[in-house]
Protein backbone atom coordinates (compact mmCIF):
# COMPACT_ATOMS: atom_id res chain seq x y z
CA MET A 1 -0.14 -0.27 0.03
CA PRO A 2 1.55 3.24 -0.43
CA LEU A 3 2.65 5.91 2.13
CA ASN A 4 0.19 9.07 2.92
CA THR A 5 0.11 11.74 5.70
CA ILE A 6 -1.83 10.33 8.51
CA ASN A 7 -3.95 13.33 9.03
CA TYR A 8 -7.31 12.06 7.55
CA SER A 9 -8.42 15.92 6.79
CA SER A 10 -5.26 16.72 4.90
CA ARG A 11 -6.15 13.23 2.92
CA CYS A 12 -10.14 14.13 2.32
CA ILE A 13 -9.20 17.34 1.08
CA VAL A 14 -6.59 16.16 -1.79
CA ASP A 15 -9.59 13.52 -2.86
CA VAL A 16 -12.52 16.13 -2.54
CA LEU A 17 -10.62 18.96 -4.69
CA GLN A 18 -9.66 16.33 -7.66
CA SER A 19 -12.70 14.65 -7.78
CA ALA A 20 -14.78 18.17 -8.02
CA GLY A 21 -12.75 18.64 -11.60
CA VAL A 22 -10.44 21.05 -9.56
CA GLU A 23 -6.74 20.54 -11.56
CA GLU A 24 -4.62 22.81 -10.12
CA VAL A 25 -3.16 24.15 -6.80
CA VAL A 26 -0.58 26.75 -5.89
CA ALA A 27 0.73 25.68 -2.40
CA CYS A 28 3.39 27.34 -0.47
CA PRO A 29 5.72 25.62 1.79
CA GLY A 30 5.79 25.87 5.23
CA SER A 31 5.27 23.07 8.69
CA ARG A 32 1.99 22.93 10.07
CA ASN A 33 0.42 22.33 6.24
CA THR A 34 2.78 19.54 5.61
CA PRO A 35 0.36 16.45 5.78
CA LEU A 36 -1.68 18.97 2.86
CA LEU A 37 1.72 19.39 0.70
CA ILE A 38 2.40 15.43 1.70
CA ALA A 39 -1.67 14.24 0.52
CA LEU A 40 -1.15 16.61 -2.62
CA SER A 41 2.52 15.15 -3.55
CA ARG A 42 0.49 11.51 -3.87
CA CYS A 43 -2.04 13.11 -6.01
CA GLN A 44 -0.73 12.57 -9.73
CA GLU A 45 -4.51 13.98 -10.64
CA LEU A 46 -3.45 17.70 -9.35
CA LYS A 47 -1.36 19.81 -10.81
CA THR A 48 0.82 21.72 -7.94
CA THR A 49 2.72 24.72 -8.43
CA VAL A 50 5.43 25.79 -4.91
CA VAL A 51 5.26 29.40 -4.74
CA VAL A 52 7.64 30.52 -1.87
CA ASP A 53 5.56 33.80 -0.55
CA GLU A 54 2.05 33.87 0.05
CA ARG A 55 1.07 37.52 -1.21
CA THR A 56 2.22 36.80 -4.44
CA ALA A 57 1.37 32.66 -4.64
CA GLY A 58 -2.38 34.33 -3.92
CA PHE A 59 -2.30 36.23 -7.20
CA VAL A 60 -0.64 33.60 -9.11
CA ALA A 61 -3.84 31.10 -8.14
CA LEU A 62 -6.47 34.02 -8.75
CA GLY A 63 -4.29 34.38 -12.38
CA LYS A 64 -4.95 31.10 -13.16
CA SER A 65 -8.70 30.45 -12.39
CA LEU A 66 -9.73 34.19 -14.74
CA VAL A 67 -8.33 32.61 -17.37
CA SER A 68 -9.18 29.38 -17.35
CA GLY A 69 -12.84 30.00 -15.39
CA ALA A 70 -12.16 26.80 -13.69
CA PRO A 71 -11.16 27.01 -9.80
CA VAL A 72 -7.97 26.89 -8.16
CA ALA A 73 -6.88 26.06 -4.82
CA VAL A 74 -4.35 28.44 -2.72
CA VAL A 75 -2.62 26.27 -0.05
CA CYS A 76 -0.55 27.95 3.32
CA THR A 77 0.51 27.18 7.14
CA SER A 78 -0.54 29.03 10.02
CA GLY A 79 -0.70 32.22 11.69
CA THR A 80 0.17 35.32 9.37
CA ALA A 81 0.65 33.11 6.17
CA LEU A 82 -3.04 33.20 6.02
CA LEU A 83 -3.44 37.08 5.89
CA ASN A 84 -1.38 37.61 3.14
CA PHE A 85 -3.77 36.14 0.84
CA ALA A 86 -6.14 38.92 1.56
CA PRO A 87 -5.52 41.17 -1.41
CA SER A 88 -6.07 38.08 -3.94
CA VAL A 89 -9.29 37.15 -2.05
CA ALA A 90 -11.03 40.12 -1.62
CA GLU A 91 -9.80 40.82 -5.30
CA ALA A 92 -11.54 37.45 -6.33
CA TYR A 93 -14.59 37.64 -4.21
CA TYR A 94 -14.83 40.98 -6.50
CA ARG A 95 -14.47 39.50 -9.90
CA LYS A 96 -16.15 36.49 -8.56
CA ILE A 97 -13.39 34.20 -9.30
CA PRO A 98 -13.65 30.88 -7.74
CA LEU A 99 -10.21 30.62 -5.47
CA ILE A 100 -10.63 28.41 -3.00
CA VAL A 101 -8.06 29.36 -0.18
CA ILE A 102 -7.03 26.55 2.47
CA SER A 103 -5.19 27.11 5.43
CA ALA A 104 -3.92 24.90 7.84
CA ASP A 105 -4.17 26.00 11.83
CA ARG A 106 -3.37 25.18 15.17
CA PRO A 107 -6.04 22.52 16.93
CA VAL A 108 -8.68 25.63 18.56
CA GLU A 109 -7.40 24.96 22.37
CA TRP A 110 -4.34 26.63 21.32
CA ILE A 111 -5.97 29.84 20.16
CA ASP A 112 -4.56 32.70 21.96
CA GLN A 113 -2.29 30.70 24.08
CA ASP A 114 1.24 32.16 23.36
CA ASP A 115 1.60 29.30 20.96
CA SER A 116 3.93 30.59 17.92
CA GLN A 117 1.74 30.92 14.83
CA THR A 118 -1.58 30.81 16.49
CA ILE A 119 -3.99 33.72 15.14
CA ARG A 120 -7.29 33.48 15.27
CA GLN A 121 -7.85 32.51 11.44
CA PHE A 122 -10.89 30.77 10.96
CA GLY A 123 -13.19 33.60 9.65
CA ALA A 124 -10.23 35.85 9.22
CA PHE A 125 -12.11 36.80 5.37
CA GLN A 126 -15.85 36.51 6.82
CA ASN A 127 -16.41 39.74 4.71
CA PHE A 128 -14.73 38.47 1.20
CA VAL A 129 -15.11 35.29 0.50
CA LYS A 130 -18.86 33.12 -0.10
CA LYS A 131 -18.46 31.03 2.74
CA SER A 132 -16.23 29.95 5.98
CA TYR A 133 -15.35 26.52 7.24
CA ASP A 134 -13.14 24.99 9.83
CA ILE A 135 -12.15 21.59 9.84
CA PRO A 136 -11.84 20.40 13.55
CA SER A 137 -8.43 19.28 14.79
CA ARG A 138 -9.77 15.41 16.44
CA VAL A 139 -12.01 13.61 12.96
CA GLU A 140 -13.52 9.88 13.82
CA GLY A 141 -16.75 8.55 13.60
CA ASP A 142 -19.16 10.52 12.50
CA ALA A 143 -16.66 13.61 12.30
CA LYS A 144 -15.36 12.07 8.86
CA TRP A 145 -18.74 12.07 7.21
CA TYR A 146 -19.06 15.76 8.66
CA VAL A 147 -15.44 16.54 6.72
CA ASN A 148 -16.14 15.34 3.78
CA ARG A 149 -19.77 17.13 3.59
CA ILE A 150 -18.49 20.53 4.10
CA LEU A 151 -15.41 19.85 2.06
CA ASN A 152 -18.23 19.09 -0.84
CA ASP A 153 -20.04 22.14 0.47
CA ALA A 154 -16.86 24.31 0.14
CA VAL A 155 -16.02 23.36 -3.31
CA MET A 156 -19.90 23.25 -5.18
CA SER A 157 -19.87 26.87 -3.01
CA ALA A 158 -17.17 27.91 -5.22
CA LYS A 159 -18.57 26.55 -8.55
CA MET A 160 -21.77 28.22 -8.24
CA GLN A 161 -22.80 30.77 -10.20
CA PRO A 162 -22.33 33.90 -9.04
CA TYR A 163 -18.96 32.05 -8.21
CA GLY A 164 -16.21 33.29 -5.49
CA PRO A 165 -13.63 32.92 -3.07
CA VAL A 166 -14.46 30.02 -0.46
CA HIS A 167 -11.98 29.46 2.49
CA ILE A 168 -11.28 26.05 4.75
CA ASN A 169 -9.58 26.15 7.75
CA VAL A 170 -8.17 23.14 8.85
CA GLN A 171 -6.92 22.62 12.27
CA ILE A 172 -4.24 19.39 12.37
CA PRO A 173 -2.53 18.62 15.03
CA GLU A 174 0.92 17.33 16.29
CA PRO A 175 2.12 14.45 14.83
CA ILE A 176 2.07 16.58 11.28
CA GLY A 177 4.74 14.66 9.46
CA LEU A 178 3.83 10.81 10.25
CA LEU A 179 3.58 8.54 7.11
CA GLU A 180 1.42 5.35 6.65
CA GLU A 181 0.11 3.20 4.27
CA ILE A 182 -3.12 4.15 3.49
CA PRO A 183 -5.22 1.82 1.20
CA ASP A 184 -6.66 3.30 -2.17
CA SER A 185 -10.26 5.15 -0.84
CA GLN A 186 -12.50 7.73 -2.94
CA GLU A 187 -14.19 9.62 -0.67
CA ARG A 188 -18.00 10.43 -1.51
CA MET A 189 -17.97 13.17 -4.20
CA ILE A 190 -21.37 14.87 -3.88
CA ARG A 191 -22.43 16.20 -7.64
CA LEU A 192 -23.89 19.78 -8.37
CA VAL A 193 -26.34 19.66 -11.33
CA ALA A 194 -26.99 23.63 -11.68
CA PRO A 195 -28.82 24.16 -15.11
CA ALA A 196 -28.10 27.37 -16.97
CA ALA A 197 -31.33 29.34 -16.75
CA GLU A 198 -32.79 31.94 -18.99
CA LEU A 199 -35.82 34.49 -19.45
CA ASP A 200 -39.32 32.92 -20.19
CA ASP A 201 -41.28 34.38 -23.49
CA VAL A 202 -43.31 36.64 -21.58
CA ASP A 203 -40.11 38.39 -19.42
CA VAL A 204 -38.60 38.36 -23.33
CA LYS A 205 -41.35 40.44 -24.76
CA GLN A 206 -42.21 43.05 -21.38
CA LEU A 207 -39.13 43.77 -21.50
CA ALA A 208 -37.97 44.23 -25.40
CA ALA A 209 -41.32 45.90 -24.62
CA GLU A 210 -38.76 48.78 -22.98
CA LEU A 211 -36.46 49.36 -25.74
CA VAL A 212 -38.11 50.47 -28.71
CA PRO A 213 -38.01 54.13 -29.64
CA PRO A 214 -38.45 56.94 -28.76
CA ARG A 215 -37.06 55.43 -25.73
CA ARG A 216 -32.66 55.98 -25.93
CA ILE A 217 -31.15 52.64 -24.70
CA MET A 218 -26.91 52.79 -23.69
CA ILE A 219 -25.30 49.42 -22.96
CA ILE A 220 -22.44 49.63 -21.14
CA ALA A 221 -19.59 46.93 -20.29
CA GLY A 222 -17.73 46.78 -17.92
CA PHE A 223 -14.79 43.76 -17.46
CA SER A 224 -15.62 40.07 -18.30
CA ALA A 225 -13.89 37.51 -20.50
CA PRO A 226 -14.43 37.63 -24.11
CA ASP A 227 -17.67 35.90 -25.17
CA LYS A 228 -18.01 35.01 -28.88
CA ALA A 229 -22.13 34.63 -28.38
CA LEU A 230 -22.42 38.14 -26.28
CA ASN A 231 -20.03 39.61 -28.73
CA GLY A 232 -22.50 38.96 -31.46
CA ALA A 233 -25.52 39.95 -29.94
CA LEU A 234 -24.46 42.84 -28.62
CA ARG A 235 -23.06 43.76 -32.21
CA LYS A 236 -26.68 43.25 -33.43
CA LEU A 237 -28.02 45.44 -31.21
CA SER A 238 -25.72 48.06 -31.84
CA GLN A 239 -26.85 48.04 -34.78
CA LEU A 240 -30.54 49.30 -33.75
CA PRO A 241 -30.78 52.78 -34.29
CA ASN A 242 -31.74 53.92 -30.85
CA VAL A 243 -29.22 51.73 -29.10
CA VAL A 244 -25.54 52.66 -28.67
CA VAL A 245 -23.18 49.95 -27.12
CA LEU A 246 -19.79 51.87 -24.61
CA THR A 247 -17.24 48.88 -23.96
CA GLU A 248 -14.81 49.56 -21.97
CA THR A 249 -10.85 47.64 -23.17
CA LEU A 250 -11.19 45.01 -20.26
CA ALA A 251 -14.94 44.44 -21.42
CA ASN A 252 -13.23 42.17 -24.47
CA LEU A 253 -15.57 43.06 -26.86
CA ARG A 254 -15.26 44.38 -30.55
CA GLY A 255 -17.71 45.72 -33.02
CA ASP A 256 -17.06 48.43 -35.20
CA ASP A 257 -20.25 51.01 -34.15
CA PHE A 258 -18.88 49.95 -30.37
CA ILE A 259 -17.54 52.62 -28.29
CA SER A 260 -14.36 51.57 -27.10
CA GLU A 261 -12.79 54.62 -26.75
CA ILE A 262 -15.24 56.19 -23.81
CA ASP A 263 -13.69 58.88 -22.01
CA ALA A 264 -12.67 60.15 -25.43
CA THR A 265 -15.60 59.95 -26.57
CA LEU A 266 -17.53 61.57 -23.44
CA SER A 267 -14.81 64.61 -23.06
CA VAL A 268 -15.57 65.66 -26.36
CA LEU A 269 -19.56 65.98 -25.75
CA SER A 270 -20.58 69.92 -25.64
CA GLU A 271 -23.47 70.33 -22.25
CA ASP A 272 -26.12 70.39 -25.31
CA GLU A 273 -25.05 67.31 -26.38
CA ARG A 274 -24.81 65.83 -22.81
CA GLU A 275 -27.89 67.05 -22.22
CA ASP A 276 -29.71 66.14 -26.05
CA LEU A 277 -27.45 62.21 -26.12
CA ALA A 278 -28.72 61.01 -22.75
CA PRO A 279 -29.93 57.52 -22.59
CA ASP A 280 -33.69 56.82 -20.97
CA ILE A 281 -32.18 53.41 -20.09
CA VAL A 282 -29.32 52.24 -19.37
CA ILE A 283 -28.16 48.65 -19.17
CA SER A 284 -24.68 47.40 -17.46
CA PHE A 285 -23.28 43.98 -17.23
CA GLY A 286 -19.38 42.87 -16.42
CA GLY A 287 -17.71 44.01 -13.47
CA ALA A 288 -16.64 47.51 -12.05
CA LEU A 289 -16.21 50.18 -14.66
CA VAL A 290 -12.65 51.68 -14.95
CA SER A 291 -13.87 54.97 -16.64
CA ARG A 292 -15.03 57.76 -13.26
CA MET A 293 -16.50 59.77 -16.95
CA VAL A 294 -19.11 57.15 -17.15
CA LYS A 295 -20.33 56.79 -14.03
CA GLN A 296 -20.46 60.34 -13.12
CA TYR A 297 -22.65 61.53 -16.14
CA ILE A 298 -25.30 58.94 -16.00
CA ARG A 299 -25.13 59.79 -12.18
CA ASP A 300 -25.60 63.34 -13.44
CA LYS A 301 -28.31 62.76 -16.14
CA LYS A 302 -30.27 60.41 -14.04
CA PRO A 303 -32.11 57.41 -16.58
CA ASP A 304 -35.29 57.00 -16.05
CA GLN A 305 -34.45 53.24 -15.80
CA HIS A 306 -31.03 51.28 -15.11
CA TRP A 307 -30.96 47.23 -15.83
CA HIS A 308 -28.14 45.40 -14.15
CA VAL A 309 -27.64 42.15 -16.02
CA GLY A 310 -25.32 39.37 -14.26
CA ARG A 311 -25.21 36.80 -11.82
CA SER A 312 -24.41 38.95 -9.07
CA LEU A 313 -23.37 38.50 -5.07
CA THR A 314 -25.26 41.47 -4.02
CA THR A 315 -27.87 44.55 -5.64
CA VAL A 316 -25.28 46.45 -7.56
CA ASP A 317 -26.31 50.08 -7.55
CA CYS A 318 -23.16 51.99 -8.87
CA PHE A 319 -25.19 54.57 -11.39
CA LYS A 320 -28.16 55.66 -8.38
CA SER A 321 -30.87 54.90 -10.63
CA LEU A 322 -31.35 50.88 -10.42
CA THR A 323 -34.42 49.96 -11.26
CA ILE A 324 -33.78 46.25 -12.61
CA ARG A 325 -31.97 43.82 -11.39
CA ILE A 326 -31.43 40.86 -13.39
CA GLU A 327 -30.12 37.83 -12.59
CA LEU A 328 -28.95 36.26 -15.46
CA GLU A 329 -25.66 35.32 -17.35
CA PRO A 330 -25.25 38.52 -20.33
CA ARG A 331 -24.64 36.09 -23.36
CA SER A 332 -28.34 34.45 -22.51
CA PHE A 333 -29.78 37.45 -21.93
CA PHE A 334 -28.58 39.79 -24.89
CA CYS A 335 -28.87 36.44 -27.42
CA GLN A 336 -32.89 36.26 -26.24
CA LEU A 337 -32.97 40.11 -26.51
CA VAL A 338 -31.46 40.36 -29.85
CA THR A 339 -34.22 38.18 -31.66
CA GLU A 340 -36.85 39.59 -29.66
CA LEU A 341 -36.26 43.19 -31.01
CA GLY A 342 -35.10 41.95 -34.38
CA ARG A 343 -38.62 41.63 -35.59
CA ALA A 344 -39.51 45.61 -34.63
CA ASP A 345 -39.19 48.25 -36.87
CA LEU A 346 -37.25 50.96 -35.15
CA MET A 347 -36.65 54.59 -36.36
CA SER A 348 -34.58 56.95 -34.34
CA ASP A 349 -31.10 58.83 -34.57
CA PHE A 350 -29.57 58.32 -31.57
CA ARG A 351 -26.96 55.70 -32.07
CA ARG A 352 -26.04 57.95 -35.17
CA ARG A 353 -25.96 60.83 -33.33
CA TRP A 354 -23.42 58.99 -30.65
CA LEU A 355 -21.31 57.59 -33.70
CA VAL A 356 -20.47 61.09 -34.78
CA VAL A 357 -19.16 62.03 -31.57
CA ARG A 358 -17.00 59.18 -31.65
CA ASP A 359 -15.50 59.65 -34.79
CA SER A 360 -14.75 63.06 -33.76
CA ALA A 361 -13.05 62.20 -30.57
CA ARG A 362 -11.07 59.71 -32.27
CA SER A 363 -10.10 62.42 -34.94
CA LEU A 364 -9.13 64.91 -31.69
CA HIS A 365 -7.40 61.72 -30.40
CA GLN A 366 -5.31 61.71 -33.21
CA ALA A 367 -4.18 65.57 -33.67
CA CYS A 368 -3.16 65.34 -29.95
CA ILE A 369 -1.12 62.34 -30.20
CA SER A 370 0.67 63.75 -33.26
CA ARG A 371 1.46 66.70 -31.27
CA ALA A 372 2.17 65.57 -28.23
CA PRO A 373 5.78 65.69 -26.39
CA TRP A 374 7.25 62.59 -25.41
CA SER A 375 5.05 61.05 -22.03
CA ASP A 376 3.30 58.04 -21.07
CA LEU A 377 0.07 59.01 -23.71
CA LYS A 378 2.90 58.90 -26.65
CA ALA A 379 4.69 55.59 -25.32
CA PHE A 380 1.14 54.36 -25.41
CA SER A 381 0.50 55.76 -29.02
CA VAL A 382 3.50 53.03 -30.19
CA ILE A 383 3.08 50.38 -27.57
CA ILE A 384 -1.04 49.25 -27.81
CA PRO A 385 -1.03 48.95 -31.69
CA ALA A 386 2.15 47.27 -31.71
CA ILE A 387 1.00 44.68 -29.46
CA PRO A 388 1.12 41.01 -32.14
CA ARG A 389 -2.71 39.46 -32.25
CA ASN A 390 -1.34 36.46 -30.37
CA TYR A 391 -0.81 38.26 -27.38
CA ASN A 392 -2.48 38.40 -24.05
CA LEU A 393 -2.77 41.48 -21.99
CA GLN A 394 -2.45 42.37 -18.74
CA LEU A 395 -2.32 46.03 -16.77
CA SER A 396 -1.71 47.48 -13.54
CA ASN A 397 -3.92 49.87 -11.87
CA GLY A 398 -3.12 53.66 -11.81
CA THR A 399 -2.23 54.99 -15.50
CA PRO A 400 -1.54 51.52 -17.66
CA VAL A 401 -5.04 50.50 -17.38
CA ARG A 402 -6.39 54.09 -17.88
CA TYR A 403 -4.31 54.90 -20.92
CA ALA A 404 -5.43 51.61 -22.34
CA GLN A 405 -9.10 52.88 -22.23
CA LEU A 406 -7.81 55.58 -24.79
CA PHE A 407 -7.33 53.32 -27.15
CA GLY A 408 -9.88 51.30 -27.85
CA GLU A 409 -9.36 49.40 -31.60
CA TYR A 410 -6.50 46.75 -30.43
CA SER A 411 -5.82 43.50 -32.02
CA PHE A 412 -4.30 40.98 -29.27
CA HIS A 413 -6.27 38.91 -27.67
CA ARG A 414 -7.34 39.30 -24.47
CA SER A 415 -7.06 42.01 -21.72
CA ASP A 416 -7.15 41.77 -17.96
CA CYS A 417 -6.92 43.81 -14.97
CA ASN A 418 -7.57 43.45 -11.29
CA ARG A 419 -9.86 45.69 -10.91
CA GLY A 420 -12.43 44.21 -8.40
CA VAL A 421 -10.82 46.25 -5.95
CA SER A 422 -8.23 48.14 -8.08
CA GLY A 423 -5.57 47.57 -6.03
CA ILE A 424 -1.99 47.79 -7.67
CA ASP A 425 -0.39 45.22 -5.57
CA GLY A 426 -0.33 41.62 -7.34
CA SER A 427 -0.07 42.59 -10.97
CA THR A 428 2.76 40.94 -11.65
CA SER A 429 1.76 37.73 -9.95
CA THR A 430 -1.23 37.28 -11.89
CA ALA A 431 -0.15 38.05 -15.20
CA LEU A 432 2.24 35.35 -14.20
CA GLY A 433 -0.35 33.19 -12.81
CA ALA A 434 -2.83 34.02 -16.17
CA MET A 435 0.57 32.93 -18.30
CA THR A 436 -0.05 29.74 -16.96
CA ALA A 437 -3.08 29.49 -17.90
CA TYR A 438 -2.84 30.65 -21.75
CA GLY A 439 -0.91 27.58 -22.70
CA THR A 440 1.10 28.84 -25.44
CA ALA A 441 0.07 32.21 -25.76
CA PRO A 442 2.11 35.20 -24.71
CA THR A 443 1.28 37.20 -22.12
CA LEU A 444 2.43 40.96 -21.49
CA LEU A 445 2.09 42.84 -18.60
CA ILE A 446 1.88 46.67 -18.48
CA THR A 447 2.15 48.46 -15.35
CA GLY A 448 3.65 50.96 -13.13
CA ASP A 449 6.75 51.62 -11.65
CA MET A 450 5.27 51.99 -7.96
CA SER A 451 3.28 48.40 -8.96
CA ALA A 452 6.13 46.68 -10.49
CA GLN A 453 7.77 47.89 -7.04
CA TYR A 454 5.25 46.61 -5.04
CA ASP A 455 5.13 43.24 -6.19
CA VAL A 456 8.78 42.74 -7.32
CA GLY A 457 8.79 39.29 -5.40
CA ALA A 458 6.76 37.48 -8.03
CA LEU A 459 9.59 37.68 -10.59
CA GLY A 460 11.51 35.01 -7.93
CA SER A 461 8.07 32.48 -8.03
CA GLY A 462 10.31 30.32 -10.74
CA LEU A 463 7.03 31.38 -12.80
CA LEU A 464 9.01 33.70 -15.24
CA THR A 465 9.01 32.06 -18.65
CA PRO A 466 10.39 33.08 -22.17
CA GLY A 467 6.70 33.81 -23.34
CA PHE A 468 6.44 36.37 -20.16
CA LYS A 469 7.12 40.00 -21.42
CA MET A 470 6.62 43.02 -18.95
CA ILE A 471 6.52 46.75 -19.58
CA VAL A 472 7.16 48.99 -16.60
CA MET A 473 6.41 52.88 -17.09
CA CYS A 474 9.12 54.00 -15.16
CA ASN A 475 7.51 57.91 -14.14
CA GLY A 476 9.09 58.32 -11.02
CA GLY A 477 5.84 57.00 -9.62
CA GLY A 478 2.28 57.67 -9.08
CA GLY A 479 1.71 59.15 -12.87
CA ILE A 480 -1.88 59.37 -12.11
CA PHE A 481 -1.34 61.62 -9.30
CA HIS A 482 0.08 64.37 -11.41
CA PHE A 483 -3.73 64.38 -12.79
CA ILE A 484 -6.29 63.61 -11.05
CA LYS A 485 -7.87 66.47 -9.32
CA SER A 486 -7.62 65.51 -6.07
CA THR A 487 -3.53 65.12 -6.20
CA ARG A 488 -2.52 67.09 -9.36
CA ASP A 489 -2.22 70.42 -7.77
CA LEU A 490 -1.12 69.55 -3.86
CA ASP A 491 2.49 71.21 -2.80
CA ILE A 492 3.40 67.69 -1.81
CA VAL A 493 2.44 65.90 -4.86
CA GLU A 494 6.41 65.26 -5.87
CA THR A 495 7.47 64.58 -2.56
CA CYS A 496 4.60 62.48 -0.58
CA PHE A 497 3.43 60.52 -3.74
CA ASP A 498 5.60 59.91 -6.90
CA SER A 499 9.43 60.80 -5.66
CA PRO A 500 9.47 58.21 -3.07
CA CYS A 501 9.98 55.55 -6.04
CA VAL A 502 13.18 54.01 -7.71
CA PHE A 503 12.47 50.93 -9.89
CA PRO A 504 16.07 49.19 -10.50
CA ALA A 505 14.63 47.77 -13.83
CA GLU A 506 18.32 47.27 -15.40
CA ALA A 507 19.15 45.49 -11.90
CA LEU A 508 16.17 43.47 -11.06
CA SER A 509 16.16 42.09 -14.95
CA ASN A 510 20.01 41.38 -14.42
CA ALA A 511 18.79 39.75 -11.08
CA TYR A 512 16.40 37.19 -12.14
CA GLY A 513 17.46 36.97 -15.46
CA LEU A 514 15.25 38.46 -17.56
CA ARG A 515 16.34 40.20 -21.57
CA TYR A 516 16.38 44.47 -20.54
CA PHE A 517 15.21 47.12 -22.90
CA GLU A 518 14.97 50.35 -22.11
CA ALA A 519 13.09 53.04 -24.26
CA THR A 520 13.86 57.03 -23.19
CA ASP A 521 12.39 58.43 -25.89
CA GLU A 522 9.69 57.70 -29.23
CA LEU A 523 12.18 56.23 -31.52
CA SER A 524 14.03 53.68 -28.69
CA LEU A 525 10.68 52.29 -28.07
CA ARG A 526 9.95 52.13 -31.76
CA THR A 527 13.52 50.78 -32.43
CA SER A 528 13.13 48.37 -28.92
CA LEU A 529 9.67 46.97 -29.43
CA PRO A 530 9.64 44.44 -32.23
CA VAL A 531 13.17 43.03 -30.89
CA PHE A 532 11.16 42.88 -27.10
CA PHE A 533 8.66 40.92 -28.64
CA ALA A 534 10.61 38.75 -30.21
CA GLU A 535 12.78 37.47 -27.62
CA LYS A 536 12.55 33.78 -27.39
CA GLU A 537 15.00 32.33 -25.20
CA ARG A 538 13.63 34.15 -21.54
CA ALA A 539 11.47 36.96 -19.95
CA ALA A 540 11.73 39.99 -20.89
CA MET A 541 11.61 43.61 -19.21
CA LEU A 542 10.91 47.35 -21.17
CA ALA A 543 11.58 49.96 -19.16
CA VAL A 544 9.90 53.04 -20.19
CA MET A 545 11.40 56.43 -19.02
CA THR A 546 9.10 59.08 -18.87
CA ASP A 547 8.51 62.41 -17.17
CA GLY A 548 5.28 61.90 -14.88
CA GLU A 549 4.75 65.45 -14.56
CA VAL A 550 5.13 66.01 -18.09
CA SER A 551 2.79 62.91 -18.48
CA GLY A 552 0.02 64.62 -16.03
CA ARG A 553 0.08 67.21 -17.99
CA VAL A 554 -0.21 65.97 -21.22
CA LEU A 555 -3.76 63.93 -20.29
CA ARG A 556 -5.29 66.86 -18.67
CA ASP A 557 -4.47 68.81 -22.50
CA TYR A 558 -5.83 65.35 -24.02
CA PHE A 559 -9.39 65.87 -21.91
CA SER A 560 -9.57 69.81 -22.39
CA GLN A 561 -10.08 68.99 -26.06
CA LYS A 562 -12.96 70.36 -27.56
CA ARG A 563 -14.75 70.14 -31.10
CA LYS A 564 -15.16 72.82 -33.11
C-alpha cells in the first residue's frame, strides 16, 4: 500500500478537490501544512505549483482561475501566512473568481495561548468569501462524514454562480509529518447539477417592449472574459437606431459600431449634447468600470431606468438609478433580447448621433497624439498598436489601465486587470498565473513602477518563461497623481506621491534573469519593441522612461480638447 499522511482531513481535502474536477493547486511551503503538502504530492491528478511567498501565491492562483474559469486552490501554513492571501481573496470576491483558500491551523484549544504561529484564522476573510469552513482537529466516527460533507459544500459553493472564493481552515494536530500505509479509497463526491437559466417568453417580450423608440438605450460593458456569443448579440444590438453600446477595454468586446473609447468620447461632448444624448434606459453588465467619466455622466443625467444584468453577489447600484436586477448570464440575456428586438420596426437617430461624436473624438485623439511630446500618452500610442495579435494583455491599476482605455481599436487576444478592488498589489503575480493558464500564447504585462515595485517578489517565483514580457512605465511613481483633481495641484505631489519610488529595472532584470530593454524617447521605443516581442530565449522587461509631471500635463490637455 502507498505511504501517505496520517492526517485524514488533509487526505480528504485532496481527494475531494480532484474528484470535483479541480486541476490546479498553488501551494506555499510551511510546517503546519505539511500533511496537506504530503497529500498533494501523492495526487497525480492535481498539478501543484509551489510559490514561497503567500501574497504572490494568492495572485498566481487568481490569475490561473480568471483565465481558465475553473476553481483553483491555494494552500498555506498557519499564522500570518494566511493574512497574506487577503488582497487576492478580496480581488477574487469582487471579480467572482472561484478561488479555494485552504489554510492549515493549530487546534482550537491553542488559539490565544501565546503559542507560535497561532492567530484567529477561522473567519479571517468572512467579509470577502462566499463561505468559511472550519475543520476540527479530531476526526473520528461521524466527524469523518461531517468533514466530507462540508468539503463538498465548499467546492460546490465556489463553483456555483455567481462564482467566488471560499475559505477552508483545517486544524491539524501533532504529529504533522508522520506517514503510514493508506489503502486506496475514494471519498464521497456530491455532484452539483445547476442548469443554466434563461428568461421565459413573457419576460423577454415585456422587457423588449420597454426598449423600442422613442426610448434611447445605452448599453455599458464592464470587465468580462471574451465571449463570442455575447459579442455577436451586442454587435446586432449596436445596429439598432436607438441603441448605443459603450465598451471598456477590459470588456474584451469588439464591434465597428461600439464606442470603445468611452472617456475620449464623453470628454468632447458639448453641454447641449450631454443633455440631448442622455439615455432613457441604461443596461449595464460586467464588472466594475474603469471610467469615472461614464459613471458620473449617468449619475448626473439620471436615466428613467437602469437594468443591471449578471449573477451578482449583491445588489449593484453604481449609477444610483437601478430599477431592475436581472440575475442571468449576460450572454443569455442579450441573445434572447436581440432575437425579440430584431422583429421590431425601429426609427431613431440616437445611435447615429453618438457615432458622430465618437468619430470626432477619434480625430481629435489622433491630432493630440501627433503633437504630444514624449510622455506616457505618446508611449502608449506606440505600444498598443505594436502588441502582436496572439498576445494576452495584463494591465496594472493606476495609469496603465486608464491609458489603455483611450485606445479602443486593438488586435491582441484579450486584456485583464485586477479591477475587483483596483489595488496596485499583485499585478505581476496575477499576470504570471494567467500566463500558465493561457498555454502557449504569450503574455504581456504593462505596469507602473510603483505596481512593479510592490510585487517585485513575483519575479522570484520561478514561474518566468520566455512567453512572459513586461513593460514598466518608469515615471517616478504615481503618474496618476499628476492627473487626478484630488492631488494634481498639491504642493506635496512630488514629495509624497511620486518621488519615493525608485525602480531599479535593469538591476532587477539582471538579478532575475530577464533580458533588459530600455526606451527613453519615441525612437528608442519604436526600435526596442520588435526585438522585445521577438525575444524567445527568456522573459523580457522593457523599461519606458518618462517624466511624470509632463505626462500628467499632457493627459490633462488631452481631456481639455473640444470639438469646433
